[in-house]
């Protein structure tokens, strides 16, 4: 079997974390990010999954239970949908601090993927 060439230009890392999705008609959906990069994510557990390929939606990832200002907000577009399993999305717009937070999340979790399985890191203490 011929292996497909990887198209991604950015590191994608496993990161299981809740996400709130605001659908095209302002429906509120809860999902879970399965993996993430600086440009997109794969989101599972979106029920009911009313989003279809090409839909643009807003999302909110709250990174702290203590500080509600520590969040990633933005818009994304659905690039692929796998039945009831999940959706592959591309980020199209962020709030001001989102890219900084995403870089930390991807970097810290990617470094630990092989060495320390367990709870995903949000930020390093170092």
C-alpha atoms as a PDB file:
ATOM      1  CA  UNK A   1       0.000   0.000   0.000  1.00  0.00           C
ATOM      2  CA  UNK A   2       1.325   3.409  -0.973  1.00  0.00           C
ATOM      3  CA  UNK A   3       1.755   5.864   1.913  1.00  0.00           C
ATOM      4  CA  UNK A   4       0.227   9.308   1.409  1.00  0.00           C
ATOM      5  CA  UNK A   5       2.540  12.296   1.639  1.00  0.00           C
ATOM      6  CA  UNK A   6       2.028  14.401   4.762  1.00  0.00           C
ATOM      7  CA  UNK A   7       0.592  17.809   3.810  1.00  0.00           C
ATOM      8  CA  UNK A   8       0.822  19.448   7.209  1.00  0.00           C
ATOM      9  CA  UNK A   9       3.425  22.180   7.632  1.00  0.00           C
ATOM     10  CA  UNK A  10       3.041  22.568  11.414  1.00  0.00           C
ATOM     11  CA  UNK A  11       3.545  20.144  14.286  1.00  0.00           C
ATOM     12  CA  UNK A  12       0.324  18.472  15.370  1.00  0.00           C
ATOM     13  CA  UNK A  13       0.246  17.073  18.884  1.00  0.00           C
ATOM     14  CA  UNK A  14      -2.195  15.034  20.940  1.00  0.00           C
ATOM     15  CA  UNK A  15      -4.068  17.281  23.341  1.00  0.00           C
ATOM     16  CA  UNK A  16      -7.381  16.186  24.789  1.00  0.00           C
ATOM     17  CA  UNK A  17      -9.194  19.262  26.042  1.00  0.00           C
ATOM     18  CA  UNK A  18     -12.794  20.532  26.076  1.00  0.00           C
ATOM     19  CA  UNK A  19     -13.945  23.106  23.538  1.00  0.00           C
ATOM     20  CA  UNK A  20     -17.193  25.046  23.257  1.00  0.00           C
ATOM     21  CA  UNK A  21     -18.418  25.530  19.692  1.00  0.00           C
ATOM     22  CA  UNK A  22     -20.913  28.140  18.560  1.00  0.00           C
ATOM     23  CA  UNK A  23     -22.567  26.777  15.416  1.00  0.00           C
ATOM     24  CA  UNK A  24     -23.604  28.709  12.305  1.00  0.00           C
ATOM     25  CA  UNK A  25     -27.012  29.481  13.860  1.00  0.00           C
ATOM     26  CA  UNK A  26     -25.551  30.193  17.337  1.00  0.00           C
ATOM     27  CA  UNK A  27     -26.124  26.642  18.588  1.00  0.00           C
ATOM     28  CA  UNK A  28     -23.890  25.841  21.558  1.00  0.00           C
ATOM     29  CA  UNK A  29     -22.088  22.519  21.161  1.00  0.00           C
ATOM     30  CA  UNK A  30     -19.529  20.882  23.409  1.00  0.00           C
ATOM     31  CA  UNK A  31     -16.660  18.899  21.975  1.00  0.00           C
ATOM     32  CA  UNK A  32     -13.219  17.615  22.816  1.00  0.00           C
ATOM     33  CA  UNK A  33     -10.042  18.494  20.990  1.00  0.00           C
ATOM     34  CA  UNK A  34      -8.188  15.298  20.131  1.00  0.00           C
ATOM     35  CA  UNK A  35      -5.119  16.879  18.552  1.00  0.00           C
ATOM     36  CA  UNK A  36      -4.055  20.415  17.774  1.00  0.00           C
ATOM     37  CA  UNK A  37      -1.569  22.489  15.792  1.00  0.00           C
ATOM     38  CA  UNK A  38      -1.013  26.190  15.228  1.00  0.00           C
ATOM     39  CA  UNK A  39      -3.348  26.078  12.241  1.00  0.00           C
ATOM     40  CA  UNK A  40      -6.081  23.620  13.148  1.00  0.00           C
ATOM     41  CA  UNK A  41      -7.425  20.791  15.248  1.00  0.00           C
ATOM     42  CA  UNK A  42      -9.360  17.556  15.198  1.00  0.00           C
ATOM     43  CA  UNK A  43     -12.443  17.774  17.400  1.00  0.00           C
ATOM     44  CA  UNK A  44     -14.420  14.770  18.636  1.00  0.00           C
ATOM     45  CA  UNK A  45     -17.515  14.297  20.761  1.00  0.00           C
ATOM     46  CA  UNK A  46     -19.472  17.101  19.115  1.00  0.00           C
ATOM     47  CA  UNK A  47     -23.082  16.116  19.736  1.00  0.00           C
ATOM     48  CA  UNK A  48     -25.230  16.636  17.881  1.00  0.00           C
ATOM     49  CA  UNK A  49     -22.778  17.201  15.056  1.00  0.00           C
ATOM     50  CA  UNK A  50     -24.690  19.672  12.928  1.00  0.00           C
ATOM     51  CA  UNK A  51     -21.500  21.055  11.381  1.00  0.00           C
ATOM     52  CA  UNK A  52     -20.717  20.151   7.783  1.00  0.00           C
ATOM     53  CA  UNK A  53     -17.697  20.634   5.523  1.00  0.00           C
ATOM     54  CA  UNK A  54     -17.404  24.323   4.698  1.00  0.00           C
ATOM     55  CA  UNK A  55     -19.252  25.548   7.804  1.00  0.00           C
ATOM     56  CA  UNK A  56     -17.614  28.434   9.641  1.00  0.00           C
ATOM     57  CA  UNK A  57     -18.050  28.539  13.399  1.00  0.00           C
ATOM     58  CA  UNK A  58     -16.710  30.252  16.508  1.00  0.00           C
ATOM     59  CA  UNK A  59     -15.003  28.394  19.336  1.00  0.00           C
ATOM     60  CA  UNK A  60     -13.857  28.982  22.883  1.00  0.00           C
ATOM     61  CA  UNK A  61     -11.232  27.005  24.802  1.00  0.00           C
ATOM     62  CA  UNK A  62     -11.062  28.057  28.459  1.00  0.00           C
ATOM     63  CA  UNK A  63      -7.552  27.240  29.678  1.00  0.00           C
ATOM     64  CA  UNK A  64      -8.097  27.911  33.383  1.00  0.00           C
ATOM     65  CA  UNK A  65     -10.898  27.348  35.873  1.00  0.00           C
ATOM     66  CA  UNK A  66      -9.521  30.220  37.939  1.00  0.00           C
ATOM     67  CA  UNK A  67      -8.874  32.933  35.352  1.00  0.00           C
ATOM     68  CA  UNK A  68     -11.654  33.053  32.758  1.00  0.00           C
ATOM     69  CA  UNK A  69      -9.593  35.536  30.718  1.00  0.00           C
ATOM     70  CA  UNK A  70      -7.100  32.768  29.998  1.00  0.00           C
ATOM     71  CA  UNK A  71      -8.766  31.430  26.880  1.00  0.00           C
ATOM     72  CA  UNK A  72      -8.408  30.865  23.182  1.00  0.00           C
ATOM     73  CA  UNK A  73     -11.275  32.302  21.167  1.00  0.00           C
ATOM     74  CA  UNK A  74     -11.590  32.336  17.440  1.00  0.00           C
ATOM     75  CA  UNK A  75     -13.227  31.141  14.270  1.00  0.00           C
ATOM     76  CA  UNK A  76     -12.597  28.009  12.262  1.00  0.00           C
ATOM     77  CA  UNK A  77     -13.835  26.262   9.143  1.00  0.00           C
ATOM     78  CA  UNK A  78     -14.708  22.557   8.881  1.00  0.00           C
ATOM     79  CA  UNK A  79     -12.358  20.923   6.362  1.00  0.00           C
ATOM     80  CA  UNK A  80     -13.487  17.331   6.846  1.00  0.00           C
ATOM     81  CA  UNK A  81     -16.130  15.423   8.704  1.00  0.00           C
ATOM     82  CA  UNK A  82     -15.975  11.787   9.678  1.00  0.00           C
ATOM     83  CA  UNK A  83     -19.554  10.733  10.289  1.00  0.00           C
ATOM     84  CA  UNK A  84     -20.162  10.793  14.032  1.00  0.00           C
ATOM     85  CA  UNK A  85     -16.471  10.498  14.937  1.00  0.00           C
ATOM     86  CA  UNK A  86     -15.274  14.065  14.586  1.00  0.00           C
ATOM     87  CA  UNK A  87     -14.346  17.056  12.464  1.00  0.00           C
ATOM     88  CA  UNK A  88     -11.047  18.372  11.125  1.00  0.00           C
ATOM     89  CA  UNK A  89     -10.933  22.166  11.304  1.00  0.00           C
ATOM     90  CA  UNK A  90      -8.684  24.995  10.181  1.00  0.00           C
ATOM     91  CA  UNK A  91      -8.376  28.053  12.394  1.00  0.00           C
ATOM     92  CA  UNK A  92      -9.199  31.280  10.556  1.00  0.00           C
ATOM     93  CA  UNK A  93      -9.216  33.929  13.294  1.00  0.00           C
ATOM     94  CA  UNK A  94      -7.974  34.247  16.910  1.00  0.00           C
ATOM     95  CA  UNK A  95      -8.154  36.542  19.887  1.00  0.00           C
ATOM     96  CA  UNK A  96      -4.958  38.509  20.637  1.00  0.00           C
ATOM     97  CA  UNK A  97      -3.211  36.005  22.943  1.00  0.00           C
ATOM     98  CA  UNK A  98      -4.329  32.792  21.222  1.00  0.00           C
ATOM     99  CA  UNK A  99      -1.252  32.212  19.071  1.00  0.00           C
ATOM    100  CA  UNK A 100       1.047  32.568  22.083  1.00  0.00           C
ATOM    101  CA  UNK A 101      -1.065  30.086  24.071  1.00  0.00           C
ATOM    102  CA  UNK A 102      -1.258  27.671  21.130  1.00  0.00           C
ATOM    103  CA  UNK A 103       2.517  27.727  20.649  1.00  0.00           C
ATOM    104  CA  UNK A 104       3.042  26.814  24.301  1.00  0.00           C
ATOM    105  CA  UNK A 105       0.403  24.063  24.213  1.00  0.00           C
ATOM    106  CA  UNK A 106       1.777  22.472  21.038  1.00  0.00           C
ATOM    107  CA  UNK A 107       5.420  22.757  22.113  1.00  0.00           C
ATOM    108  CA  UNK A 108       5.026  21.439  25.659  1.00  0.00           C
ATOM    109  CA  UNK A 109       2.666  18.618  24.781  1.00  0.00           C
ATOM    110  CA  UNK A 110       4.654  17.567  21.722  1.00  0.00           C
ATOM    111  CA  UNK A 111       7.848  17.269  23.785  1.00  0.00           C
ATOM    112  CA  UNK A 112       6.062  15.064  26.330  1.00  0.00           C
ATOM    113  CA  UNK A 113       4.116  12.868  23.898  1.00  0.00           C
ATOM    114  CA  UNK A 114       6.607  10.005  23.967  1.00  0.00           C
ATOM    115  CA  UNK A 115       8.138  10.468  27.411  1.00  0.00           C
ATOM    116  CA  UNK A 116       5.278  11.224  29.788  1.00  0.00           C
ATOM    117  CA  UNK A 117       1.822   9.929  28.988  1.00  0.00           C
ATOM    118  CA  UNK A 118      -0.930  11.321  31.175  1.00  0.00           C
ATOM    119  CA  UNK A 119      -2.692  14.614  31.695  1.00  0.00           C
ATOM    120  CA  UNK A 120      -2.046  17.141  28.919  1.00  0.00           C
ATOM    121  CA  UNK A 121      -0.041  20.192  29.880  1.00  0.00           C
ATOM    122  CA  UNK A 122      -1.396  23.646  29.342  1.00  0.00           C
ATOM    123  CA  UNK A 123       1.726  25.543  30.342  1.00  0.00           C
ATOM    124  CA  UNK A 124       5.101  24.562  31.752  1.00  0.00           C
ATOM    125  CA  UNK A 125       6.079  25.672  35.238  1.00  0.00           C
ATOM    126  CA  UNK A 126       9.586  26.478  33.992  1.00  0.00           C
END
